[in-house]
Amino acid sequence: MSEINEGRVLIDFYANWCGPCKMMKPHLTKFEEVQEQVKVIKVNVEDDYEMASKFNIRNIPTLVYMVDGEVVGRDSGAKNLEQLKEFTNVG
């Protein structure tokens, strides 16, 4: 997945049955709407086991924040819009 190697990227590892993932979904959508600096990529751990395994995902939701292909942050648990901005250093 070459799109994670350029610029600022936030990867959301989730599953459709996950309650906290469902709670965070509207916050992620709003995050995408209010800023343009960070690209959001959603990865369903059941559909893309290889990607989840590559990032050693053990809990969901897990957010992985990358800059130019390097992991600079990682956190588990649902986040609101302000927490997403803080996690990704979006003004």
PDB file of N, CA and C in Angstrom:
ATOM      1  N   MET A   1       0.845  -1.175   0.000  1.00  0.00           N
ATOM      2  CA  MET A   1       0.000   0.000   0.000  1.00  0.00           C
ATOM      3  C   MET A   1       0.894   1.244   0.000  1.00  0.00           C
ATOM      4  N   SER A   2       1.182   1.741  -1.185  1.00  0.00           N
ATOM      5  CA  SER A   2       2.128   2.853  -1.335  1.00  0.00           C
ATOM      6  C   SER A   2       1.597   4.168  -0.784  1.00  0.00           C
ATOM      7  N   GLU A   3       0.277   4.303  -0.670  1.00  0.00           N
ATOM      8  CA  GLU A   3      -0.301   5.573  -0.210  1.00  0.00           C
ATOM      9  C   GLU A   3       0.071   5.914   1.233  1.00  0.00           C
ATOM     10  N   ILE A   4       0.552   4.943   2.002  1.00  0.00           N
ATOM     11  CA  ILE A   4       0.929   5.234   3.388  1.00  0.00           C
ATOM     12  C   ILE A   4       2.360   5.732   3.503  1.00  0.00           C
ATOM     13  N   ASN A   5       3.100   5.754   2.396  1.00  0.00           N
ATOM     14  CA  ASN A   5       4.512   6.130   2.442  1.00  0.00           C
ATOM     15  C   ASN A   5       4.774   7.590   2.147  1.00  0.00           C
ATOM     16  N   GLU A   6       3.737   8.355   1.804  1.00  0.00           N
ATOM     17  CA  GLU A   6       3.938   9.750   1.449  1.00  0.00           C
ATOM     18  C   GLU A   6       3.066  10.656   2.303  1.00  0.00           C
ATOM     19  N   GLY A   7       3.673  11.677   2.879  1.00  0.00           N
ATOM     20  CA  GLY A   7       2.918  12.663   3.632  1.00  0.00           C
ATOM     21  C   GLY A   7       2.423  12.149   4.971  1.00  0.00           C
ATOM     22  N   ARG A   8       1.406  12.836   5.470  1.00  0.00           N
ATOM     23  CA  ARG A   8       0.837  12.508   6.779  1.00  0.00           C
ATOM     24  C   ARG A   8      -0.385  11.620   6.589  1.00  0.00           C
ATOM     25  N   VAL A   9      -0.369  10.471   7.253  1.00  0.00           N
ATOM     26  CA  VAL A   9      -1.421   9.468   7.076  1.00  0.00           C
ATOM     27  C   VAL A   9      -1.870   8.958   8.442  1.00  0.00           C
ATOM     28  N   LEU A  10      -3.189   8.858   8.607  1.00  0.00           N
ATOM     29  CA  LEU A  10      -3.768   8.269   9.800  1.00  0.00           C
ATOM     30  C   LEU A  10      -4.488   6.992   9.377  1.00  0.00           C
ATOM     31  N   ILE A  11      -4.033   5.859   9.899  1.00  0.00           N
ATOM     32  CA  ILE A  11      -4.655   4.574   9.572  1.00  0.00           C
ATOM     33  C   ILE A  11      -5.559   4.171  10.724  1.00  0.00           C
ATOM     34  N   ASP A  12      -6.814   3.909  10.392  1.00  0.00           N
ATOM     35  CA  ASP A  12      -7.807   3.468  11.365  1.00  0.00           C
ATOM     36  C   ASP A  12      -8.032   1.975  11.169  1.00  0.00           C
ATOM     37  N   PHE A  13      -7.587   1.171  12.118  1.00  0.00           N
ATOM     38  CA  PHE A  13      -7.834  -0.269  12.085  1.00  0.00           C
ATOM     39  C   PHE A  13      -9.110  -0.534  12.876  1.00  0.00           C
ATOM     40  N   TYR A  14     -10.103  -1.147  12.223  1.00  0.00           N
ATOM     41  CA  TYR A  14     -11.425  -1.322  12.827  1.00  0.00           C
ATOM     42  C   TYR A  14     -12.044  -2.640  12.382  1.00  0.00           C
ATOM     43  N   ALA A  15     -13.208  -2.946  12.940  1.00  0.00           N
ATOM     44  CA  ALA A  15     -14.045  -4.062  12.482  1.00  0.00           C
ATOM     45  C   ALA A  15     -15.497  -3.590  12.537  1.00  0.00           C
ATOM     46  N   ASN A  16     -16.327  -4.107  11.653  1.00  0.00           N
ATOM     47  CA  ASN A  16     -17.728  -3.683  11.570  1.00  0.00           C
ATOM     48  C   ASN A  16     -18.511  -3.986  12.845  1.00  0.00           C
ATOM     49  N   TRP A  17     -18.147  -5.024  13.572  1.00  0.00           N
ATOM     50  CA  TRP A  17     -18.884  -5.425  14.774  1.00  0.00           C
ATOM     51  C   TRP A  17     -18.421  -4.695  16.036  1.00  0.00           C
ATOM     52  N   CYS A  18     -17.378  -3.903  15.932  1.00  0.00           N
ATOM     53  CA  CYS A  18     -16.745  -3.249  17.088  1.00  0.00           C
ATOM     54  C   CYS A  18     -17.518  -1.998  17.510  1.00  0.00           C
ATOM     55  N   GLY A  19     -18.045  -2.009  18.732  1.00  0.00           N
ATOM     56  CA  GLY A  19     -18.802  -0.881  19.262  1.00  0.00           C
ATOM     57  C   GLY A  19     -18.015   0.424  19.319  1.00  0.00           C
ATOM     58  N   PRO A  20     -16.820   0.428  19.946  1.00  0.00           N
ATOM     59  CA  PRO A  20     -16.020   1.658  19.982  1.00  0.00           C
ATOM     60  C   PRO A  20     -15.647   2.162  18.579  1.00  0.00           C
ATOM     61  N   CYS A  21     -15.457   1.237  17.633  1.00  0.00           N
ATOM     62  CA  CYS A  21     -15.151   1.629  16.251  1.00  0.00           C
ATOM     63  C   CYS A  21     -16.337   2.391  15.655  1.00  0.00           C
ATOM     64  N   LYS A  22     -17.541   1.888  15.919  1.00  0.00           N
ATOM     65  CA  LYS A  22     -18.753   2.553  15.421  1.00  0.00           C
ATOM     66  C   LYS A  22     -18.911   3.931  16.051  1.00  0.00           C
ATOM     67  N   MET A  23     -18.584   4.057  17.336  1.00  0.00           N
ATOM     68  CA  MET A  23     -18.694   5.349  18.025  1.00  0.00           C
ATOM     69  C   MET A  23     -17.705   6.366  17.443  1.00  0.00           C
ATOM     70  N   MET A  24     -16.540   5.906  17.018  1.00  0.00           N
ATOM     71  CA  MET A  24     -15.508   6.804  16.519  1.00  0.00           C
ATOM     72  C   MET A  24     -15.731   7.195  15.060  1.00  0.00           C
ATOM     73  N   LYS A  25     -16.469   6.410  14.308  1.00  0.00           N
ATOM     74  CA  LYS A  25     -16.633   6.630  12.868  1.00  0.00           C
ATOM     75  C   LYS A  25     -17.072   8.048  12.508  1.00  0.00           C
ATOM     76  N   PRO A  26     -18.125   8.617  13.165  1.00  0.00           N
ATOM     77  CA  PRO A  26     -18.510   9.987  12.788  1.00  0.00           C
ATOM     78  C   PRO A  26     -17.436  11.027  13.105  1.00  0.00           C
ATOM     79  N   HIS A  27     -16.632  10.786  14.121  1.00  0.00           N
ATOM     80  CA  HIS A  27     -15.541  11.701  14.459  1.00  0.00           C
ATOM     81  C   HIS A  27     -14.450  11.654  13.387  1.00  0.00           C
ATOM     82  N   LEU A  28     -14.162  10.456  12.883  1.00  0.00           N
ATOM     83  CA  LEU A  28     -13.186  10.328  11.798  1.00  0.00           C
ATOM     84  C   LEU A  28     -13.685  11.006  10.536  1.00  0.00           C
ATOM     85  N   THR A  29     -14.969  10.848  10.241  1.00  0.00           N
ATOM     86  CA  THR A  29     -15.556  11.477   9.063  1.00  0.00           C
ATOM     87  C   THR A  29     -15.441  12.993   9.169  1.00  0.00           C
ATOM     88  N   LYS A  30     -15.763  13.543  10.324  1.00  0.00           N
ATOM     89  CA  LYS A  30     -15.662  14.989  10.551  1.00  0.00           C
ATOM     90  C   LYS A  30     -14.206  15.436  10.456  1.00  0.00           C
ATOM     91  N   PHE A  31     -13.297  14.634  11.008  1.00  0.00           N
ATOM     92  CA  PHE A  31     -11.859  14.937  10.937  1.00  0.00           C
ATOM     93  C   PHE A  31     -11.424  15.081   9.479  1.00  0.00           C
ATOM     94  N   GLU A  32     -11.878  14.166   8.624  1.00  0.00           N
ATOM     95  CA  GLU A  32     -11.537  14.239   7.200  1.00  0.00           C
ATOM     96  C   GLU A  32     -12.095  15.509   6.561  1.00  0.00           C
ATOM     97  N   GLU A  33     -13.280  15.936   7.010  1.00  0.00           N
ATOM     98  CA  GLU A  33     -13.933  17.110   6.437  1.00  0.00           C
ATOM     99  C   GLU A  33     -13.271  18.422   6.841  1.00  0.00           C
ATOM    100  N   VAL A  34     -12.767  18.513   8.065  1.00  0.00           N
ATOM    101  CA  VAL A  34     -12.300  19.801   8.591  1.00  0.00           C
ATOM    102  C   VAL A  34     -10.806  20.066   8.378  1.00  0.00           C
ATOM    103  N   GLN A  35     -10.075  19.107   7.851  1.00  0.00           N
ATOM    104  CA  GLN A  35      -8.649  19.335   7.628  1.00  0.00           C
ATOM    105  C   GLN A  35      -8.212  18.623   6.354  1.00  0.00           C
ATOM    106  N   GLU A  36      -7.120  19.104   5.766  1.00  0.00           N
ATOM    107  CA  GLU A  36      -6.614  18.514   4.521  1.00  0.00           C
ATOM    108  C   GLU A  36      -5.183  18.013   4.646  1.00  0.00           C
ATOM    109  N   GLN A  37      -4.572  18.207   5.816  1.00  0.00           N
ATOM    110  CA  GLN A  37      -3.160  17.854   5.959  1.00  0.00           C
ATOM    111  C   GLN A  37      -2.922  16.357   6.124  1.00  0.00           C
ATOM    112  N   VAL A  38      -3.900  15.648   6.712  1.00  0.00           N
ATOM    113  CA  VAL A  38      -3.716  14.235   7.038  1.00  0.00           C
ATOM    114  C   VAL A  38      -4.709  13.387   6.250  1.00  0.00           C
ATOM    115  N   LYS A  39      -4.171  12.428   5.527  1.00  0.00           N
ATOM    116  CA  LYS A  39      -5.006  11.486   4.776  1.00  0.00           C
ATOM    117  C   LYS A  39      -5.444  10.370   5.721  1.00  0.00           C
ATOM    118  N   VAL A  40      -6.731  10.018   5.692  1.00  0.00           N
ATOM    119  CA  VAL A  40      -7.256   8.957   6.545  1.00  0.00           C
ATOM    120  C   VAL A  40      -7.478   7.703   5.708  1.00  0.00           C
ATOM    121  N   ILE A  41      -6.935   6.602   6.193  1.00  0.00           N
ATOM    122  CA  ILE A  41      -7.118   5.300   5.549  1.00  0.00           C
ATOM    123  C   ILE A  41      -7.766   4.370   6.553  1.00  0.00           C
ATOM    124  N   LYS A  42      -8.865   3.749   6.150  1.00  0.00           N
ATOM    125  CA  LYS A  42      -9.584   2.834   7.040  1.00  0.00           C
ATOM    126  C   LYS A  42      -9.267   1.402   6.626  1.00  0.00           C
ATOM    127  N   VAL A  43      -8.880   0.584   7.606  1.00  0.00           N
ATOM    128  CA  VAL A  43      -8.522  -0.811   7.335  1.00  0.00           C
ATOM    129  C   VAL A  43      -9.382  -1.723   8.209  1.00  0.00           C
ATOM    130  N   ASN A  44     -10.248  -2.489   7.569  1.00  0.00           N
ATOM    131  CA  ASN A  44     -11.052  -3.482   8.274  1.00  0.00           C
ATOM    132  C   ASN A  44     -10.143  -4.679   8.556  1.00  0.00           C
ATOM    133  N   VAL A  45      -9.903  -4.961   9.832  1.00  0.00           N
ATOM    134  CA  VAL A  45      -8.944  -6.009  10.203  1.00  0.00           C
ATOM    135  C   VAL A  45      -9.387  -7.394   9.746  1.00  0.00           C
ATOM    136  N   GLU A  46     -10.682  -7.576   9.527  1.00  0.00           N
ATOM    137  CA  GLU A  46     -11.168  -8.879   9.064  1.00  0.00           C
ATOM    138  C   GLU A  46     -10.994  -9.047   7.558  1.00  0.00           C
ATOM    139  N   ASP A  47     -11.022  -7.936   6.818  1.00  0.00           N
ATOM    140  CA  ASP A  47     -10.852  -7.992   5.369  1.00  0.00           C
ATOM    141  C   ASP A  47      -9.393  -7.908   4.945  1.00  0.00           C
ATOM    142  N   ASP A  48      -8.571  -7.245   5.740  1.00  0.00           N
ATOM    143  CA  ASP A  48      -7.165  -7.047   5.389  1.00  0.00           C
ATOM    144  C   ASP A  48      -6.274  -7.512   6.548  1.00  0.00           C
ATOM    145  N   TYR A  49      -6.309  -8.812   6.776  1.00  0.00           N
ATOM    146  CA  TYR A  49      -5.536  -9.400   7.871  1.00  0.00           C
ATOM    147  C   TYR A  49      -4.037  -9.146   7.691  1.00  0.00           C
ATOM    148  N   GLU A  50      -3.582  -9.134   6.437  1.00  0.00           N
ATOM    149  CA  GLU A  50      -2.156  -8.943   6.165  1.00  0.00           C
ATOM    150  C   GLU A  50      -1.677  -7.573   6.666  1.00  0.00           C
ATOM    151  N   MET A  51      -2.470  -6.543   6.389  1.00  0.00           N
ATOM    152  CA  MET A  51      -2.111  -5.193   6.838  1.00  0.00           C
ATOM    153  C   MET A  51      -2.165  -5.116   8.374  1.00  0.00           C
ATOM    154  N   ALA A  52      -3.203  -5.692   8.971  1.00  0.00           N
ATOM    155  CA  ALA A  52      -3.333  -5.694  10.427  1.00  0.00           C
ATOM    156  C   ALA A  52      -2.150  -6.425  11.064  1.00  0.00           C
ATOM    157  N   SER A  53      -1.745  -7.506  10.452  1.00  0.00           N
ATOM    158  CA  SER A  53      -0.618  -8.277  10.959  1.00  0.00           C
ATOM    159  C   SER A  53       0.688  -7.491  10.826  1.00  0.00           C
ATOM    160  N   LYS A  54       0.859  -6.811   9.702  1.00  0.00           N
ATOM    161  CA  LYS A  54       2.069  -6.015   9.468  1.00  0.00           C
ATOM    162  C   LYS A  54       2.247  -4.965  10.562  1.00  0.00           C
ATOM    163  N   PHE A  55       1.138  -4.386  11.029  1.00  0.00           N
ATOM    164  CA  PHE A  55       1.192  -3.359  12.062  1.00  0.00           C
ATOM    165  C   PHE A  55       0.963  -3.926  13.460  1.00  0.00           C
ATOM    166  N   ASN A  56       0.920  -5.260  13.568  1.00  0.00           N
ATOM    167  CA  ASN A  56       0.801  -5.945  14.856  1.00  0.00           C
ATOM    168  C   ASN A  56      -0.413  -5.448  15.658  1.00  0.00           C
ATOM    169  N   ILE A  57      -1.557  -5.392  14.980  1.00  0.00           N
ATOM    170  CA  ILE A  57      -2.786  -4.903  15.605  1.00  0.00           C
ATOM    171  C   ILE A  57      -3.367  -5.998  16.489  1.00  0.00           C
ATOM    172  N   ARG A  58      -3.538  -5.688  17.774  1.00  0.00           N
ATOM    173  CA  ARG A  58      -4.077  -6.644  18.743  1.00  0.00           C
ATOM    174  C   ARG A  58      -5.397  -6.167  19.331  1.00  0.00           C
ATOM    175  N   ASN A  59      -5.648  -4.855  19.294  1.00  0.00           N
ATOM    176  CA  ASN A  59      -6.881  -4.263  19.816  1.00  0.00           C
ATOM    177  C   ASN A  59      -7.471  -3.349  18.752  1.00  0.00           C
ATOM    178  N   ILE A  60      -8.782  -3.206  18.779  1.00  0.00           N
ATOM    179  CA  ILE A  60      -9.419  -2.255  17.875  1.00  0.00           C
ATOM    180  C   ILE A  60     -10.416  -1.426  18.657  1.00  0.00           C
ATOM    181  N   PRO A  61     -10.622  -0.188  18.275  1.00  0.00           N
ATOM    182  CA  PRO A  61      -9.901   0.488  17.194  1.00  0.00           C
ATOM    183  C   PRO A  61      -8.467   0.835  17.602  1.00  0.00           C
ATOM    184  N   THR A  62      -7.592   0.761  16.622  1.00  0.00           N
ATOM    185  CA  THR A  62      -6.217   1.224  16.798  1.00  0.00           C
ATOM    186  C   THR A  62      -5.931   2.233  15.698  1.00  0.00           C
ATOM    187  N   LEU A  63      -5.348   3.351  16.091  1.00  0.00           N
ATOM    188  CA  LEU A  63      -4.939   4.382  15.147  1.00  0.00           C
ATOM    189  C   LEU A  63      -3.422   4.372  15.038  1.00  0.00           C
ATOM    190  N   VAL A  64      -2.934   4.424  13.806  1.00  0.00           N
ATOM    191  CA  VAL A  64      -1.502   4.525  13.555  1.00  0.00           C
ATOM    192  C   VAL A  64      -1.288   5.791  12.739  1.00  0.00           C
ATOM    193  N   TYR A  65      -0.473   6.698  13.260  1.00  0.00           N
ATOM    194  CA  TYR A  65      -0.187   7.960  12.582  1.00  0.00           C
ATOM    195  C   TYR A  65       1.214   7.871  11.988  1.00  0.00           C
ATOM    196  N   MET A  66       1.308   8.161  10.675  1.00  0.00           N
ATOM    197  CA  MET A  66       2.575   8.044   9.969  1.00  0.00           C
ATOM    198  C   MET A  66       2.908   9.349   9.252  1.00  0.00           C
ATOM    199  N   VAL A  67       4.200   9.639   9.185  1.00  0.00           N
ATOM    200  CA  VAL A  67       4.688  10.761   8.405  1.00  0.00           C
ATOM    201  C   VAL A  67       5.768  10.235   7.474  1.00  0.00           C
ATOM    202  N   ASP A  68       5.525  10.370   6.179  1.00  0.00           N
ATOM    203  CA  ASP A  68       6.456   9.903   5.149  1.00  0.00           C
ATOM    204  C   ASP A  68       6.892   8.453   5.365  1.00  0.00           C
ATOM    205  N   GLY A  69       5.941   7.590   5.706  1.00  0.00           N
ATOM    206  CA  GLY A  69       6.206   6.160   5.825  1.00  0.00           C
ATOM    207  C   GLY A  69       6.713   5.701   7.176  1.00  0.00           C
ATOM    208  N   GLU A  70       6.953   6.627   8.092  1.00  0.00           N
ATOM    209  CA  GLU A  70       7.451   6.286   9.422  1.00  0.00           C
ATOM    210  C   GLU A  70       6.328   6.418  10.453  1.00  0.00           C
ATOM    211  N   VAL A  71       6.171   5.413  11.293  1.00  0.00           N
ATOM    212  CA  VAL A  71       5.177   5.479  12.359  1.00  0.00           C
ATOM    213  C   VAL A  71       5.668   6.463  13.416  1.00  0.00           C
ATOM    214  N   VAL A  72       4.857   7.492  13.681  1.00  0.00           N
ATOM    215  CA  VAL A  72       5.220   8.486  14.690  1.00  0.00           C
ATOM    216  C   VAL A  72       4.253   8.479  15.870  1.00  0.00           C
ATOM    217  N   GLY A  73       3.158   7.721  15.746  1.00  0.00           N
ATOM    218  CA  GLY A  73       2.208   7.625  16.841  1.00  0.00           C
ATOM    219  C   GLY A  73       1.309   6.423  16.674  1.00  0.00           C
ATOM    220  N   ARG A  74       0.888   5.892  17.806  1.00  0.00           N
ATOM    221  CA  ARG A  74       0.007   4.716  17.802  1.00  0.00           C
ATOM    222  C   ARG A  74      -0.818   4.757  19.079  1.00  0.00           C
ATOM    223  N   ASP A  75      -2.131   4.512  18.939  1.00  0.00           N
ATOM    224  CA  ASP A  75      -2.995   4.549  20.113  1.00  0.00           C
ATOM    225  C   ASP A  75      -4.217   3.676  19.862  1.00  0.00           C
ATOM    226  N   SER A  76      -4.729   3.081  20.917  1.00  0.00           N
ATOM    227  CA  SER A  76      -5.932   2.245  20.825  1.00  0.00           C
ATOM    228  C   SER A  76      -7.073   2.907  21.580  1.00  0.00           C
ATOM    229  N   GLY A  77      -8.283   2.581  21.162  1.00  0.00           N
ATOM    230  CA  GLY A  77      -9.472   3.122  21.806  1.00  0.00           C
ATOM    231  C   GLY A  77     -10.102   4.217  20.974  1.00  0.00           C
ATOM    232  N   ALA A  78     -11.401   4.409  21.179  1.00  0.00           N
ATOM    233  CA  ALA A  78     -12.148   5.413  20.433  1.00  0.00           C
ATOM    234  C   ALA A  78     -11.678   6.822  20.800  1.00  0.00           C
ATOM    235  N   LYS A  79     -11.654   7.689  19.809  1.00  0.00           N
ATOM    236  CA  LYS A  79     -11.243   9.082  19.989  1.00  0.00           C
ATOM    237  C   LYS A  79     -12.333  10.004  19.441  1.00  0.00           C
ATOM    238  N   ASN A  80     -12.444  11.201  20.042  1.00  0.00           N
ATOM    239  CA  ASN A  80     -13.349  12.195  19.489  1.00  0.00           C
ATOM    240  C   ASN A  80     -12.556  13.112  18.547  1.00  0.00           C
ATOM    241  N   LEU A  81     -13.227  14.079  17.955  1.00  0.00           N
ATOM    242  CA  LEU A  81     -12.585  14.953  16.972  1.00  0.00           C
ATOM    243  C   LEU A  81     -11.380  15.686  17.550  1.00  0.00           C
ATOM    244  N   GLU A  82     -11.514  16.250  18.729  1.00  0.00           N
ATOM    245  CA  GLU A  82     -10.407  16.988  19.339  1.00  0.00           C
ATOM    246  C   GLU A  82      -9.216  16.074  19.626  1.00  0.00           C
ATOM    247  N   GLN A  83      -9.486  14.866  20.076  1.00  0.00           N
ATOM    248  CA  GLN A  83      -8.404  13.914  20.344  1.00  0.00           C
ATOM    249  C   GLN A  83      -7.707  13.501  19.048  1.00  0.00           C
ATOM    250  N   LEU A  84      -8.466  13.373  17.964  1.00  0.00           N
ATOM    251  CA  LEU A  84      -7.873  13.043  16.669  1.00  0.00           C
ATOM    252  C   LEU A  84      -6.963  14.170  16.202  1.00  0.00           C
ATOM    253  N   LYS A  85      -7.415  15.406  16.376  1.00  0.00           N
ATOM    254  CA  LYS A  85      -6.587  16.562  15.990  1.00  0.00           C
ATOM    255  C   LYS A  85      -5.295  16.600  16.812  1.00  0.00           C
ATOM    256  N   GLU A  86      -5.427  16.369  18.103  1.00  0.00           N
ATOM    257  CA  GLU A  86      -4.266  16.385  18.991  1.00  0.00           C
ATOM    258  C   GLU A  86      -3.284  15.272  18.622  1.00  0.00           C
ATOM    259  N   PHE A  87      -3.818  14.074  18.364  1.00  0.00           N
ATOM    260  CA  PHE A  87      -2.989  12.904  18.035  1.00  0.00           C
ATOM    261  C   PHE A  87      -2.173  13.145  16.761  1.00  0.00           C
ATOM    262  N   THR A  88      -2.762  13.875  15.805  1.00  0.00           N
ATOM    263  CA  THR A  88      -2.112  14.091  14.511  1.00  0.00           C
ATOM    264  C   THR A  88      -1.498  15.490  14.370  1.00  0.00           C
ATOM    265  N   ASN A  89      -1.488  16.248  15.468  1.00  0.00           N
ATOM    266  CA  ASN A  89      -0.908  17.594  15.461  1.00  0.00           C
ATOM    267  C   ASN A  89      -1.548  18.515  14.418  1.00  0.00           C
ATOM    268  N   VAL A  90      -2.868  18.407  14.282  1.00  0.00           N
ATOM    269  CA  VAL A  90      -3.603  19.275  13.372  1.00  0.00           C
ATOM    270  C   VAL A  90      -4.076  20.479  14.173  1.00  0.00           C
ATOM    271  N   GLY A  91      -3.687  21.692  13.710  1.00  0.00           N
ATOM    272  CA  GLY A  91      -3.995  22.920  14.418  1.00  0.00           C
ATOM    273  C   GLY A  91      -5.416  23.086  14.740  1.00  0.00           C
TER     274      GLY A  91
END
